[in-house]
Amino acid sequence: MRANDPARARYAGSAAFALERGDESRQASGQDDDPQDRFGNSTERPARGAAARAANASRSPTPSMSARGASGRPYQGALLQPPPQSAVMPVDEVVVRRGWRAAMASPAMPGAAVFGLTLLLIIAHQGRVLQLFYPVACALAGVVLYRRHPVHWLSFVCWLVFLTPAVRRFADYYNGAFNQTSPIMVAPLIVTALSGIGALRYHRVLAQRRAMPLMLAVSGVLYGFLVGVVRAGPLPAVFAMTLWALPPLVGFHLLIHWRLYGEFRRVLMLTFKYGALLMGVYGVIEFVVMPPWDAFWLEGSKMLSEGDPVPFGIRVASTMNSSGPYAIAAMVCLLYLMAGSGKVRSIAACAVLFSLLLTSVRTAWGGLVIGLMFPLYGLSLRLRMRLIGSAVALAVLTLPLLTIDKIADPVMKRFSSIGDLSHDNSFADRSAFYANFLDTALTDIAGQGLGSTGAATKLDSGAGAGAYGVFDSGLMEIPFVLGWPGTLLFVSGVLWLLARAFVCAIRIRKDRVAASGVGIGIGLLAMLLSANMLTGSAGMFFYISVMLPVIGRRAIRHGLAAQVEPT
């Protein structure tokens, strides 16, 4: 077998694309329009005839790459049954690093170092140092990971979304003052903004058909930005631009690294599993104990809707800003955990499901139920029964905790309000908002532009939010901000992405991660009734979820990943 034979690339998996850096440099210099379609194979036309076949048969194998990585583990893209050792004999021995050398060479090392040093500063009560150290360290680690380990860069971004608000609380608590504009909160935006480098580097891919849905969404956002600069001001428009444009750029990051789908699937599943475990356990502790730094944050933020800063008196926010963003993250983690297996996964699912109930966010509860519909429909009968069994087991394990009165009362009160919406103040306020604001949102053809709603209004109106600082409807916000032209472009791109993910997930039925991704996308779109789920961290989860089935189908079709159930 020749070293450059495509058949060798199929069992070598991700290692067969060690020439990716060469492909990338050729594309950046304009010599290659689509580096993702180059396999490093020889372009010579094979010789024909019996003599040529005999010569090829007698040619000795000279493999140039191994199917194992630096840690000695096989790559994700490798086939389940590698060829016998007699068929291909390795030329070079792979040096397996062990001990501290292996730890230092691990792709997870930069992120682990940042969070480890952050924990030490928290233990030392160094709040002021933490405010300066955290964003700088995160930015440096993000640059290293983006350049060398694109898969772990995305995992690091998810961890920043999970943990950065908690780091901010510790810093404010040990400083003794609530900081309304903490620099710590900039860290996730800085690291996520690195995805724009990929759009510049692979600008030729933007003109290809596979990138058209993302380009439509970004074009709608750019239109809203231009209008926002005129109507809302430059600073609010730029800040809102980061919330609207960065999620599609994260989706483009997955698109250009489609060859690494097997590794994306493995690393992201680990990220959501252990993220759910950490956030779920801390959420339960927060509800029962109410740590002093959380009480200090709740009093300083003056978010009355989050409850009272006493045990059993709050809506759980865990390590995130408030109960709303945490409920979205918990829903996403739960749907991905349904695609996994193992004891840790079961414990994490129970903890995050219980803390999700304690958030009292009914929209996230409904999104979770809707998100389970597609996995039940798209999977095979065996996997469907396994998913139903997992859901029933989670419910059985969670129900005993609801026998405690102080825990069950807020949950059951919220559940009972679903059946009696006529007496629910939250539902009444949202219904009145839809009735009064519908004409305003749909009759403004040009739109108000980015920066006219949400947290961006604080940059134009001082410490307080503007008239539309709190916008309780994503369905209304999109046409109100983007106008008719921007809405047409943005919504067309989003729906195209979801439809493509649906088709790809159907064609790789055995991949439960792909099915969960489509379920998450459908669930988040359904939650647009309450808030905009296509911007910020929720938008990032949406684009990750709908892009995974797309790149997964392509990687599996090219033999770069096995259509196996993740563990």
Protein backbone atom coordinates (compact mmCIF):
# COMPACT_ATOMS: atom_id res chain seq x y z
CA MET A 1 0.00 0.00 0.00
CA ARG A 2 1.43 3.36 -0.96
CA ALA A 3 1.96 6.06 1.66
CA ASN A 4 -0.32 8.48 -0.18
CA ASP A 5 -3.01 5.97 -1.05
CA PRO A 6 -6.56 7.15 -0.10
CA ALA A 7 -7.26 3.79 1.50
CA ARG A 8 -4.44 4.45 3.97
CA ALA A 9 -5.97 7.82 4.79
CA ARG A 10 -9.22 6.11 5.76
CA TYR A 11 -7.74 4.00 8.58
CA ALA A 12 -5.15 6.58 9.61
CA GLY A 13 -8.04 8.90 10.48
CA SER A 14 -7.15 12.39 11.57
CA ALA A 15 -3.43 11.62 11.33
CA ALA A 16 -3.79 11.33 7.56
CA PHE A 17 -4.19 15.04 7.48
CA ALA A 18 -0.93 16.01 9.06
CA LEU A 19 -0.40 18.00 5.87
CA GLU A 20 -3.24 20.31 6.88
CA ARG A 21 -0.84 23.15 7.73
CA GLY A 22 0.61 22.93 4.25
CA ASP A 23 -2.86 23.04 2.76
CA GLU A 24 -3.76 26.04 4.88
CA SER A 25 -0.67 27.96 3.79
CA ARG A 26 -1.43 27.20 0.14
CA GLN A 27 -4.96 28.48 0.56
CA ALA A 28 -3.81 31.65 2.35
CA SER A 29 -1.46 32.37 -0.56
CA GLY A 30 -4.25 31.83 -3.10
CA GLN A 31 -2.96 28.53 -4.52
CA ASP A 32 -5.82 26.47 -3.12
CA ASP A 33 -9.45 27.56 -3.08
CA ASP A 34 -10.68 24.82 -0.76
CA PRO A 35 -8.01 23.37 1.55
CA GLN A 36 -10.51 21.10 3.20
CA ASP A 37 -10.92 19.04 0.07
CA ARG A 38 -7.21 18.17 -0.23
CA PHE A 39 -6.20 14.79 1.10
CA GLY A 40 -2.47 14.99 0.50
CA ASN A 41 -2.83 12.31 -2.20
CA SER A 42 -0.54 12.15 -5.18
CA THR A 43 -1.96 13.89 -8.25
CA GLU A 44 -0.09 11.70 -10.70
CA ARG A 45 -2.28 9.70 -13.05
CA PRO A 46 -1.78 6.01 -12.19
CA ALA A 47 -0.16 3.82 -14.80
CA ARG A 48 -2.35 1.36 -16.67
CA GLY A 49 -1.80 -2.16 -17.84
CA ALA A 50 -0.68 -5.49 -16.41
CA ALA A 51 2.95 -4.39 -16.06
CA ALA A 52 1.93 -1.38 -14.01
CA ARG A 53 -0.27 -3.52 -11.75
CA ALA A 54 2.59 -5.94 -11.15
CA ALA A 55 4.93 -3.07 -10.33
CA ASN A 56 2.45 -1.60 -7.87
CA ALA A 57 1.95 -4.97 -6.20
CA SER A 58 5.67 -5.43 -5.67
CA ARG A 59 6.13 -1.94 -4.26
CA SER A 60 6.98 -2.07 -0.54
CA PRO A 61 4.86 -0.05 1.88
CA THR A 62 6.43 3.15 3.17
CA PRO A 63 3.99 4.67 5.60
CA SER A 64 4.69 8.25 6.60
CA MET A 65 2.30 8.72 9.49
CA SER A 66 0.89 6.83 12.44
CA ALA A 67 -2.73 6.23 13.42
CA ARG A 68 -1.90 7.22 16.99
CA GLY A 69 -1.33 10.61 18.51
CA ALA A 70 1.35 11.84 20.88
CA SER A 71 -0.50 10.36 23.86
CA GLY A 72 -0.52 6.89 22.29
CA ARG A 73 -4.30 6.84 21.87
CA PRO A 74 -5.80 6.24 18.43
CA TYR A 75 -7.22 9.22 16.60
CA GLN A 76 -10.97 9.67 16.55
CA GLY A 77 -11.11 9.30 12.80
CA ALA A 78 -9.48 5.85 12.79
CA LEU A 79 -11.62 2.89 11.81
CA LEU A 80 -12.69 0.49 14.51
CA GLN A 81 -10.69 -2.37 12.98
CA PRO A 82 -7.25 -1.22 11.82
CA PRO A 83 -5.42 -3.27 9.19
CA PRO A 84 -3.15 -6.10 10.33
CA GLN A 85 0.39 -5.18 11.30
CA SER A 86 1.82 -7.24 8.47
CA ALA A 87 0.09 -5.06 5.87
CA VAL A 88 1.72 -1.80 6.94
CA MET A 89 4.90 -1.77 9.02
CA PRO A 90 5.70 1.55 10.72
CA VAL A 91 9.02 3.07 9.85
CA ASP A 92 9.43 5.47 12.77
CA GLU A 93 8.69 4.63 16.37
CA VAL A 94 6.26 7.04 18.04
CA VAL A 95 7.72 8.40 21.25
CA VAL A 96 4.97 8.34 23.88
CA ARG A 97 5.43 11.08 26.43
CA ARG A 98 4.69 10.24 30.03
CA GLY A 99 4.49 12.05 33.33
CA TRP A 100 4.85 15.83 33.51
CA ARG A 101 6.05 16.02 29.91
CA ALA A 102 2.80 14.50 28.68
CA ALA A 103 0.83 16.90 30.91
CA MET A 104 2.71 19.93 29.56
CA ALA A 105 2.14 18.79 25.96
CA SER A 106 -1.58 18.17 26.54
CA PRO A 107 -3.94 20.41 24.52
CA ALA A 108 -5.93 21.02 27.71
CA MET A 109 -2.89 22.46 29.52
CA PRO A 110 -3.37 26.19 28.68
CA GLY A 111 -6.96 26.24 29.87
CA ALA A 112 -6.19 24.15 32.95
CA ALA A 113 -3.34 26.53 33.85
CA VAL A 114 -5.63 29.58 33.60
CA PHE A 115 -8.34 28.10 35.80
CA GLY A 116 -5.78 26.65 38.23
CA LEU A 117 -4.08 30.01 38.76
CA THR A 118 -7.49 31.67 39.02
CA LEU A 119 -8.45 29.24 41.79
CA LEU A 120 -5.23 30.04 43.67
CA LEU A 121 -5.97 33.78 43.49
CA ILE A 122 -9.50 33.15 44.77
CA ILE A 123 -8.17 31.12 47.70
CA ALA A 124 -5.68 33.93 48.43
CA HIS A 125 -8.53 36.50 48.35
CA GLN A 126 -6.77 38.56 45.67
CA GLY A 127 -9.78 40.16 44.03
CA ARG A 128 -7.98 43.13 42.46
CA VAL A 129 -5.23 40.97 41.02
CA LEU A 130 -7.87 38.60 39.68
CA GLN A 131 -9.60 41.40 37.77
CA LEU A 132 -6.39 42.12 35.87
CA PHE A 133 -5.02 38.58 35.59
CA TYR A 134 -8.09 36.73 34.37
CA PRO A 135 -8.85 38.53 31.06
CA VAL A 136 -5.16 38.72 30.09
CA ALA A 137 -4.50 35.06 30.91
CA CYS A 138 -7.62 33.94 29.07
CA ALA A 139 -6.63 35.94 26.00
CA LEU A 140 -3.12 34.43 25.93
CA ALA A 141 -4.42 30.90 26.44
CA GLY A 142 -7.03 31.48 23.74
CA VAL A 143 -4.40 32.55 21.21
CA VAL A 144 -2.26 29.47 21.94
CA LEU A 145 -5.21 27.11 21.67
CA TYR A 146 -6.62 28.71 18.54
CA ARG A 147 -3.31 28.40 16.71
CA ARG A 148 -2.38 24.89 17.84
CA HIS A 149 -5.52 23.10 19.02
CA PRO A 150 -8.72 24.40 17.34
CA VAL A 151 -10.86 21.71 18.97
CA HIS A 152 -9.74 22.51 22.51
CA TRP A 153 -10.08 26.22 21.75
CA LEU A 154 -13.82 25.70 21.32
CA SER A 155 -13.94 23.69 24.54
CA PHE A 156 -12.11 26.53 26.32
CA VAL A 157 -14.69 29.02 25.04
CA CYS A 158 -17.49 26.88 26.49
CA TRP A 159 -15.73 26.69 29.85
CA LEU A 160 -15.32 30.47 29.87
CA VAL A 161 -19.06 30.86 29.29
CA PHE A 162 -19.75 28.46 32.15
CA LEU A 163 -17.34 29.85 34.77
CA THR A 164 -16.51 33.51 34.06
CA PRO A 165 -19.55 34.98 35.91
CA ALA A 166 -18.58 33.00 39.01
CA VAL A 167 -15.02 34.34 38.82
CA ARG A 168 -16.45 37.86 38.64
CA ARG A 169 -18.50 37.23 41.80
CA PHE A 170 -15.44 36.10 43.75
CA ALA A 171 -13.45 39.14 42.60
CA ASP A 172 -16.20 41.58 43.58
CA TYR A 173 -16.76 39.86 46.92
CA TYR A 174 -13.11 40.01 47.97
CA ASN A 175 -12.83 43.59 46.69
CA GLY A 176 -15.79 44.55 48.87
CA ALA A 177 -17.61 46.39 46.07
CA PHE A 178 -19.90 45.33 43.24
CA ASN A 179 -18.34 46.32 39.91
CA GLN A 180 -21.01 47.03 37.30
CA THR A 181 -18.45 46.95 34.44
CA SER A 182 -16.04 44.24 35.56
CA PRO A 183 -13.20 43.58 33.06
CA ILE A 184 -13.48 39.89 33.90
CA MET A 185 -16.66 39.64 31.83
CA VAL A 186 -14.75 40.69 28.70
CA ALA A 187 -12.69 37.46 28.69
CA PRO A 188 -15.24 35.24 26.86
CA LEU A 189 -15.76 37.91 24.19
CA ILE A 190 -12.01 38.32 23.59
CA VAL A 191 -11.39 34.59 23.21
CA THR A 192 -14.47 34.03 21.05
CA ALA A 193 -13.47 36.96 18.81
CA LEU A 194 -10.42 34.96 17.73
CA SER A 195 -12.78 33.01 15.48
CA GLY A 196 -12.74 36.05 13.19
CA ILE A 197 -9.16 35.13 12.26
CA GLY A 198 -10.50 32.01 10.57
CA ALA A 199 -12.91 34.08 8.48
CA LEU A 200 -10.02 36.23 7.27
CA ARG A 201 -7.67 33.31 6.71
CA TYR A 202 -10.19 31.17 4.86
CA HIS A 203 -12.04 33.99 3.13
CA ARG A 204 -12.32 31.95 -0.06
CA VAL A 205 -14.49 29.40 1.75
CA LEU A 206 -17.02 32.15 2.44
CA ALA A 207 -17.93 32.16 -1.27
CA GLN A 208 -18.66 28.42 -1.34
CA ARG A 209 -22.13 26.94 -1.10
CA ARG A 210 -21.51 25.21 2.21
CA ALA A 211 -20.88 28.60 3.87
CA MET A 212 -23.86 30.40 2.34
CA PRO A 213 -26.23 30.01 5.36
CA LEU A 214 -23.62 31.55 7.65
CA MET A 215 -22.96 34.32 5.16
CA LEU A 216 -26.67 35.16 4.99
CA ALA A 217 -26.88 35.41 8.78
CA VAL A 218 -23.75 37.57 9.00
CA SER A 219 -25.00 39.80 6.16
CA GLY A 220 -28.20 40.49 8.09
CA VAL A 221 -26.15 41.36 11.18
CA LEU A 222 -23.91 43.71 9.15
CA TYR A 223 -26.99 45.53 7.88
CA GLY A 224 -28.23 45.96 11.43
CA PHE A 225 -24.80 47.23 12.48
CA LEU A 226 -24.76 49.96 9.83
CA VAL A 227 -28.22 51.13 10.88
CA GLY A 228 -27.26 50.92 14.56
CA VAL A 229 -24.20 53.15 14.12
CA VAL A 230 -26.51 55.90 12.84
CA ARG A 231 -29.47 55.43 15.19
CA ALA A 232 -28.03 54.00 18.42
CA GLY A 233 -24.44 55.24 18.28
CA PRO A 234 -21.05 53.62 17.54
CA LEU A 235 -20.32 52.15 21.00
CA PRO A 236 -23.69 50.41 21.51
CA ALA A 237 -23.61 49.15 17.91
CA VAL A 238 -20.11 47.69 18.26
CA PHE A 239 -20.96 45.96 21.55
CA ALA A 240 -24.17 44.50 20.12
CA MET A 241 -22.23 43.45 17.02
CA THR A 242 -20.07 41.15 19.13
CA LEU A 243 -23.16 39.45 20.57
CA TRP A 244 -24.82 38.96 17.18
CA ALA A 245 -21.82 38.19 14.92
CA LEU A 246 -19.56 36.01 17.07
CA PRO A 247 -21.91 32.97 17.21
CA PRO A 248 -21.96 32.59 13.37
CA LEU A 249 -18.16 32.93 13.36
CA VAL A 250 -17.95 30.05 15.84
CA GLY A 251 -20.07 28.05 13.40
CA PHE A 252 -17.62 28.95 10.63
CA HIS A 253 -14.77 27.70 12.85
CA LEU A 254 -16.42 24.29 12.87
CA LEU A 255 -16.99 24.45 9.12
CA ILE A 256 -13.34 25.03 8.20
CA HIS A 257 -12.15 22.31 10.60
CA TRP A 258 -14.66 19.68 9.49
CA ARG A 259 -11.93 17.05 9.25
CA LEU A 260 -11.60 17.08 13.04
CA TYR A 261 -15.24 16.17 13.64
CA GLY A 262 -14.35 13.00 15.55
CA GLU A 263 -12.23 14.99 17.97
CA PHE A 264 -14.84 17.76 18.21
CA ARG A 265 -17.44 15.17 19.14
CA ARG A 266 -15.28 13.61 21.83
CA VAL A 267 -13.97 16.82 23.40
CA LEU A 268 -17.30 18.67 23.38
CA MET A 269 -19.07 15.70 24.95
CA LEU A 270 -16.51 15.72 27.76
CA THR A 271 -16.90 19.49 28.10
CA PHE A 272 -20.67 19.38 28.45
CA LYS A 273 -20.54 16.33 30.73
CA TYR A 274 -18.14 17.78 33.28
CA GLY A 275 -19.56 21.28 32.84
CA ALA A 276 -23.00 19.93 33.69
CA LEU A 277 -21.60 18.08 36.68
CA LEU A 278 -19.88 21.18 38.07
CA MET A 279 -22.72 23.61 37.41
CA GLY A 280 -25.42 21.21 38.54
CA VAL A 281 -23.77 20.37 41.87
CA TYR A 282 -22.91 24.01 42.56
CA GLY A 283 -26.45 25.06 41.68
CA VAL A 284 -27.92 22.73 44.29
CA ILE A 285 -25.39 23.98 46.88
CA GLU A 286 -26.25 27.58 46.00
CA PHE A 287 -29.96 26.95 46.57
CA VAL A 288 -29.51 25.13 49.87
CA VAL A 289 -26.59 27.05 51.44
CA MET A 290 -26.49 30.43 49.64
CA PRO A 291 -22.74 31.22 49.76
CA PRO A 292 -21.83 34.79 50.87
CA TRP A 293 -20.32 35.76 47.49
CA ASP A 294 -23.54 34.82 45.73
CA ALA A 295 -25.59 36.79 48.26
CA PHE A 296 -23.26 39.78 47.78
CA TRP A 297 -23.66 39.56 44.01
CA LEU A 298 -27.45 39.30 44.22
CA GLU A 299 -27.68 42.36 46.48
CA GLY A 300 -25.29 44.40 44.32
CA SER A 301 -26.92 43.54 41.01
CA LYS A 302 -30.40 44.40 42.35
CA MET A 303 -32.04 41.70 40.26
CA LEU A 304 -35.26 41.37 42.22
CA SER A 305 -36.58 38.66 39.89
CA GLU A 306 -33.86 36.28 41.12
CA GLY A 307 -35.39 36.01 44.59
CA ASP A 308 -34.03 36.75 48.07
CA PRO A 309 -30.36 36.13 49.02
CA VAL A 310 -31.22 33.50 51.61
CA PRO A 311 -31.17 29.69 51.55
CA PHE A 312 -34.13 28.19 49.68
CA GLY A 313 -35.12 31.68 48.53
CA ILE A 314 -33.47 32.20 45.12
CA ARG A 315 -33.83 31.05 41.56
CA VAL A 316 -30.67 29.06 40.89
CA ALA A 317 -28.10 30.74 38.63
CA SER A 318 -25.22 28.39 39.54
CA THR A 319 -21.95 29.75 38.08
CA MET A 320 -23.63 31.99 35.48
CA ASN A 321 -25.03 35.52 35.46
CA SER A 322 -28.65 34.76 36.26
CA SER A 323 -31.20 31.98 36.19
CA GLY A 324 -32.09 32.60 32.51
CA PRO A 325 -28.64 32.01 30.94
CA TYR A 326 -27.99 29.11 33.30
CA ALA A 327 -31.29 27.44 32.38
CA ILE A 328 -30.30 27.61 28.69
CA ALA A 329 -26.85 26.11 29.39
CA ALA A 330 -28.41 23.39 31.57
CA MET A 331 -30.90 22.49 28.83
CA VAL A 332 -28.10 22.23 26.23
CA CYS A 333 -25.96 20.09 28.55
CA LEU A 334 -28.86 17.76 29.32
CA LEU A 335 -29.66 17.14 25.65
CA TYR A 336 -26.01 16.35 24.93
CA LEU A 337 -25.83 14.09 27.98
CA MET A 338 -28.70 12.08 26.51
CA ALA A 339 -26.27 11.09 23.75
CA GLY A 340 -23.66 9.74 26.17
CA SER A 341 -23.31 6.94 28.67
CA GLY A 342 -21.44 6.09 31.85
CA LYS A 343 -21.74 6.71 35.58
CA VAL A 344 -20.36 10.25 35.50
CA ARG A 345 -22.87 11.13 32.82
CA SER A 346 -25.74 9.82 34.99
CA ILE A 347 -24.62 11.81 38.04
CA ALA A 348 -24.11 14.96 35.96
CA ALA A 349 -27.53 14.59 34.32
CA CYS A 350 -29.30 14.21 37.67
CA ALA A 351 -27.52 17.22 39.17
CA VAL A 352 -28.11 19.54 36.22
CA LEU A 353 -31.75 18.43 35.79
CA PHE A 354 -32.48 19.12 39.44
CA SER A 355 -30.81 22.53 39.31
CA LEU A 356 -32.70 23.30 36.08
CA LEU A 357 -35.97 22.75 37.95
CA LEU A 358 -34.77 25.13 40.67
CA THR A 359 -34.24 27.93 38.13
CA SER A 360 -38.04 28.17 37.69
CA VAL A 361 -37.50 29.09 34.02
CA ARG A 362 -40.51 27.54 32.32
CA THR A 363 -39.28 28.44 28.84
CA ALA A 364 -36.19 26.26 29.32
CA TRP A 365 -38.37 23.42 30.59
CA GLY A 366 -40.45 23.63 27.43
CA GLY A 367 -37.33 23.91 25.28
CA LEU A 368 -35.99 20.72 26.85
CA VAL A 369 -39.19 18.82 26.05
CA ILE A 370 -39.26 20.13 22.47
CA GLY A 371 -35.55 19.39 22.06
CA LEU A 372 -36.15 15.73 22.90
CA MET A 373 -38.64 15.34 20.05
CA PHE A 374 -36.15 15.07 17.19
CA PRO A 375 -33.80 12.54 18.85
CA LEU A 376 -36.85 10.37 19.50
CA TYR A 377 -37.93 10.70 15.88
CA GLY A 378 -34.59 10.56 14.08
CA LEU A 379 -32.86 7.70 15.90
CA SER A 380 -33.26 4.01 15.28
CA LEU A 381 -35.68 2.02 17.43
CA ARG A 382 -32.93 0.64 19.68
CA LEU A 383 -31.41 4.06 20.30
CA ARG A 384 -34.86 5.56 20.72
CA MET A 385 -35.72 3.10 23.49
CA ARG A 386 -32.36 3.78 25.11
CA LEU A 387 -33.05 7.52 25.10
CA ILE A 388 -36.52 7.02 26.60
CA GLY A 389 -35.02 4.79 29.28
CA SER A 390 -32.43 7.46 30.12
CA ALA A 391 -35.14 10.11 30.46
CA VAL A 392 -37.27 7.90 32.70
CA ALA A 393 -34.28 7.00 34.86
CA LEU A 394 -33.41 10.68 35.33
CA ALA A 395 -36.96 11.47 36.37
CA VAL A 396 -37.00 8.58 38.86
CA LEU A 397 -33.68 9.63 40.39
CA THR A 398 -34.77 13.27 40.70
CA LEU A 399 -38.24 12.75 42.17
CA PRO A 400 -37.10 11.78 45.71
CA LEU A 401 -35.51 15.20 46.16
CA LEU A 402 -38.86 16.82 45.48
CA THR A 403 -40.29 15.25 48.62
CA ILE A 404 -38.49 17.94 50.66
CA ASP A 405 -40.98 20.76 51.19
CA LYS A 406 -38.54 23.68 50.92
CA ILE A 407 -37.30 22.32 47.61
CA ALA A 408 -40.61 21.15 46.18
CA ASP A 409 -42.64 24.30 46.95
CA PRO A 410 -41.07 26.72 44.42
CA VAL A 411 -40.89 24.02 41.74
CA MET A 412 -44.48 22.86 42.14
CA LYS A 413 -45.72 26.44 42.34
CA ARG A 414 -44.07 27.16 39.00
CA PHE A 415 -45.46 23.97 37.48
CA SER A 416 -48.99 24.80 38.65
CA SER A 417 -48.79 28.21 36.96
CA ILE A 418 -48.44 26.47 33.57
CA GLY A 419 -51.98 25.15 33.86
CA ASP A 420 -53.40 28.48 35.09
CA LEU A 421 -51.74 31.11 32.89
CA SER A 422 -54.64 33.54 33.30
CA HIS A 423 -53.46 34.34 36.85
CA ASP A 424 -49.73 34.35 36.04
CA ASN A 425 -48.19 37.85 36.11
CA SER A 426 -45.25 36.91 33.89
CA PHE A 427 -47.48 35.52 31.17
CA ALA A 428 -49.82 38.52 31.42
CA ASP A 429 -46.92 40.98 31.03
CA ARG A 430 -45.54 39.13 28.00
CA SER A 431 -48.98 38.93 26.37
CA ALA A 432 -49.45 42.67 26.85
CA PHE A 433 -46.01 43.31 25.39
CA TYR A 434 -46.86 41.29 22.26
CA ALA A 435 -50.18 43.10 21.84
CA ASN A 436 -48.74 46.59 22.24
CA PHE A 437 -45.42 46.18 20.46
CA LEU A 438 -46.37 44.04 17.47
CA ASP A 439 -47.20 46.97 15.19
CA THR A 440 -44.02 48.82 16.18
CA ALA A 441 -41.78 45.84 15.46
CA LEU A 442 -43.29 44.98 12.09
CA THR A 443 -43.92 48.45 10.65
CA ASP A 444 -40.36 49.79 11.07
CA ILE A 445 -39.01 48.70 7.70
CA ALA A 446 -35.43 49.96 8.15
CA GLY A 447 -35.15 48.75 11.76
CA GLN A 448 -33.62 50.44 14.79
CA GLY A 449 -30.21 48.79 14.32
CA LEU A 450 -27.85 46.97 16.66
CA GLY A 451 -27.40 48.63 20.04
CA SER A 452 -31.02 49.70 20.41
CA THR A 453 -31.94 46.78 22.73
CA GLY A 454 -30.41 44.76 25.54
CA ALA A 455 -27.31 45.48 27.57
CA ALA A 456 -25.85 47.63 24.77
CA THR A 457 -28.27 50.43 25.68
CA LYS A 458 -26.31 51.00 28.91
CA LEU A 459 -23.41 52.36 26.86
CA ASP A 460 -25.62 55.14 25.53
CA SER A 461 -27.77 55.88 28.57
CA GLY A 462 -25.31 55.76 31.45
CA ALA A 463 -25.48 53.27 34.30
CA GLY A 464 -29.07 52.28 33.66
CA ALA A 465 -30.52 50.45 30.70
CA GLY A 466 -32.41 52.27 27.98
CA ALA A 467 -36.06 52.02 27.11
CA TYR A 468 -35.54 48.60 25.53
CA GLY A 469 -32.84 47.34 27.91
CA VAL A 470 -35.01 44.33 28.77
CA PHE A 471 -36.58 42.75 25.69
CA ASP A 472 -38.74 39.72 26.46
CA SER A 473 -39.27 38.43 22.94
CA GLY A 474 -36.74 37.21 20.43
CA LEU A 475 -39.42 37.05 17.73
CA MET A 476 -40.05 40.77 18.20
CA GLU A 477 -36.44 41.81 18.71
CA ILE A 478 -35.13 40.44 15.40
CA PRO A 479 -37.42 42.51 13.09
CA PHE A 480 -37.29 45.52 15.43
CA VAL A 481 -33.46 45.59 15.33
CA LEU A 482 -32.68 44.31 11.83
CA GLY A 483 -35.69 45.69 9.94
CA TRP A 484 -37.16 43.89 6.97
CA PRO A 485 -33.96 43.55 4.87
CA GLY A 486 -31.80 42.33 7.73
CA THR A 487 -34.49 40.00 9.05
CA LEU A 488 -34.92 38.39 5.63
CA LEU A 489 -31.19 37.68 5.38
CA PHE A 490 -30.71 36.60 8.99
CA VAL A 491 -33.77 34.36 9.28
CA SER A 492 -33.09 32.76 5.88
CA GLY A 493 -29.58 31.79 7.00
CA VAL A 494 -30.77 30.41 10.34
CA LEU A 495 -33.56 28.31 8.82
CA TRP A 496 -31.22 27.05 6.08
CA LEU A 497 -28.73 25.96 8.72
CA LEU A 498 -31.38 24.11 10.71
CA ALA A 499 -32.79 22.39 7.60
CA ARG A 500 -29.34 21.27 6.52
CA ALA A 501 -28.57 19.95 10.01
CA PHE A 502 -31.88 18.05 9.98
CA VAL A 503 -31.08 16.32 6.68
CA CYS A 504 -27.51 15.47 7.72
CA ALA A 505 -28.59 14.05 11.07
CA ILE A 506 -31.14 11.81 9.34
CA ARG A 507 -28.39 10.40 7.10
CA ILE A 508 -26.09 9.57 10.02
CA ARG A 509 -28.71 8.07 12.31
CA LYS A 510 -26.24 6.22 14.51
CA ASP A 511 -24.56 9.45 15.58
CA ARG A 512 -26.57 10.48 18.62
CA VAL A 513 -24.57 13.68 19.08
CA ALA A 514 -25.82 14.90 15.71
CA ALA A 515 -29.42 14.07 16.69
CA SER A 516 -29.02 15.94 19.98
CA GLY A 517 -27.59 18.91 18.09
CA VAL A 518 -30.68 19.21 15.89
CA GLY A 519 -32.90 18.85 18.97
CA ILE A 520 -31.04 21.71 20.66
CA GLY A 521 -31.43 23.90 17.58
CA ILE A 522 -35.20 23.27 17.44
CA GLY A 523 -35.56 23.83 21.19
CA LEU A 524 -33.69 27.14 21.13
CA LEU A 525 -35.74 28.42 18.20
CA ALA A 526 -38.91 27.56 20.10
CA MET A 527 -37.61 29.59 23.05
CA LEU A 528 -37.51 32.74 20.89
CA LEU A 529 -40.97 33.42 22.28
CA SER A 530 -39.37 34.61 25.51
CA ALA A 531 -35.91 35.94 24.57
CA ASN A 532 -33.42 36.11 21.70
CA MET A 533 -31.66 32.74 21.63
CA LEU A 534 -29.53 33.54 18.57
CA THR A 535 -27.13 35.98 20.24
CA GLY A 536 -24.55 35.72 23.00
CA SER A 537 -23.89 32.38 24.68
CA ALA A 538 -27.27 30.94 23.64
CA GLY A 539 -26.50 31.80 20.01
CA MET A 540 -23.11 30.12 20.29
CA PHE A 541 -24.78 26.92 21.53
CA PHE A 542 -27.22 27.11 18.63
CA TYR A 543 -24.56 27.41 15.93
CA ILE A 544 -22.39 24.70 17.49
CA SER A 545 -25.36 22.34 17.64
CA VAL A 546 -26.55 22.84 14.06
CA MET A 547 -23.04 22.74 12.58
CA LEU A 548 -21.99 19.46 14.22
CA PRO A 549 -24.38 17.30 12.11
CA VAL A 550 -23.26 19.10 8.94
CA ILE A 551 -19.53 18.57 9.41
CA GLY A 552 -20.20 15.14 10.90
CA ARG A 553 -21.87 13.83 7.79
CA ARG A 554 -19.05 15.11 5.61
CA ALA A 555 -16.32 13.65 7.85
CA ILE A 556 -18.06 10.27 8.07
CA ARG A 557 -18.61 10.20 4.30
CA HIS A 558 -14.88 10.77 3.74
CA GLY A 559 -13.90 8.12 6.28
CA LEU A 560 -12.47 10.57 8.81
CA ALA A 561 -14.77 9.61 11.67
CA ALA A 562 -16.61 6.46 12.61
CA GLN A 563 -20.38 6.61 12.96
CA VAL A 564 -20.22 5.24 16.48
CA GLU A 565 -22.01 5.97 19.71
CA PRO A 566 -19.88 8.20 21.98
CA THR A 567 -19.12 6.92 25.48
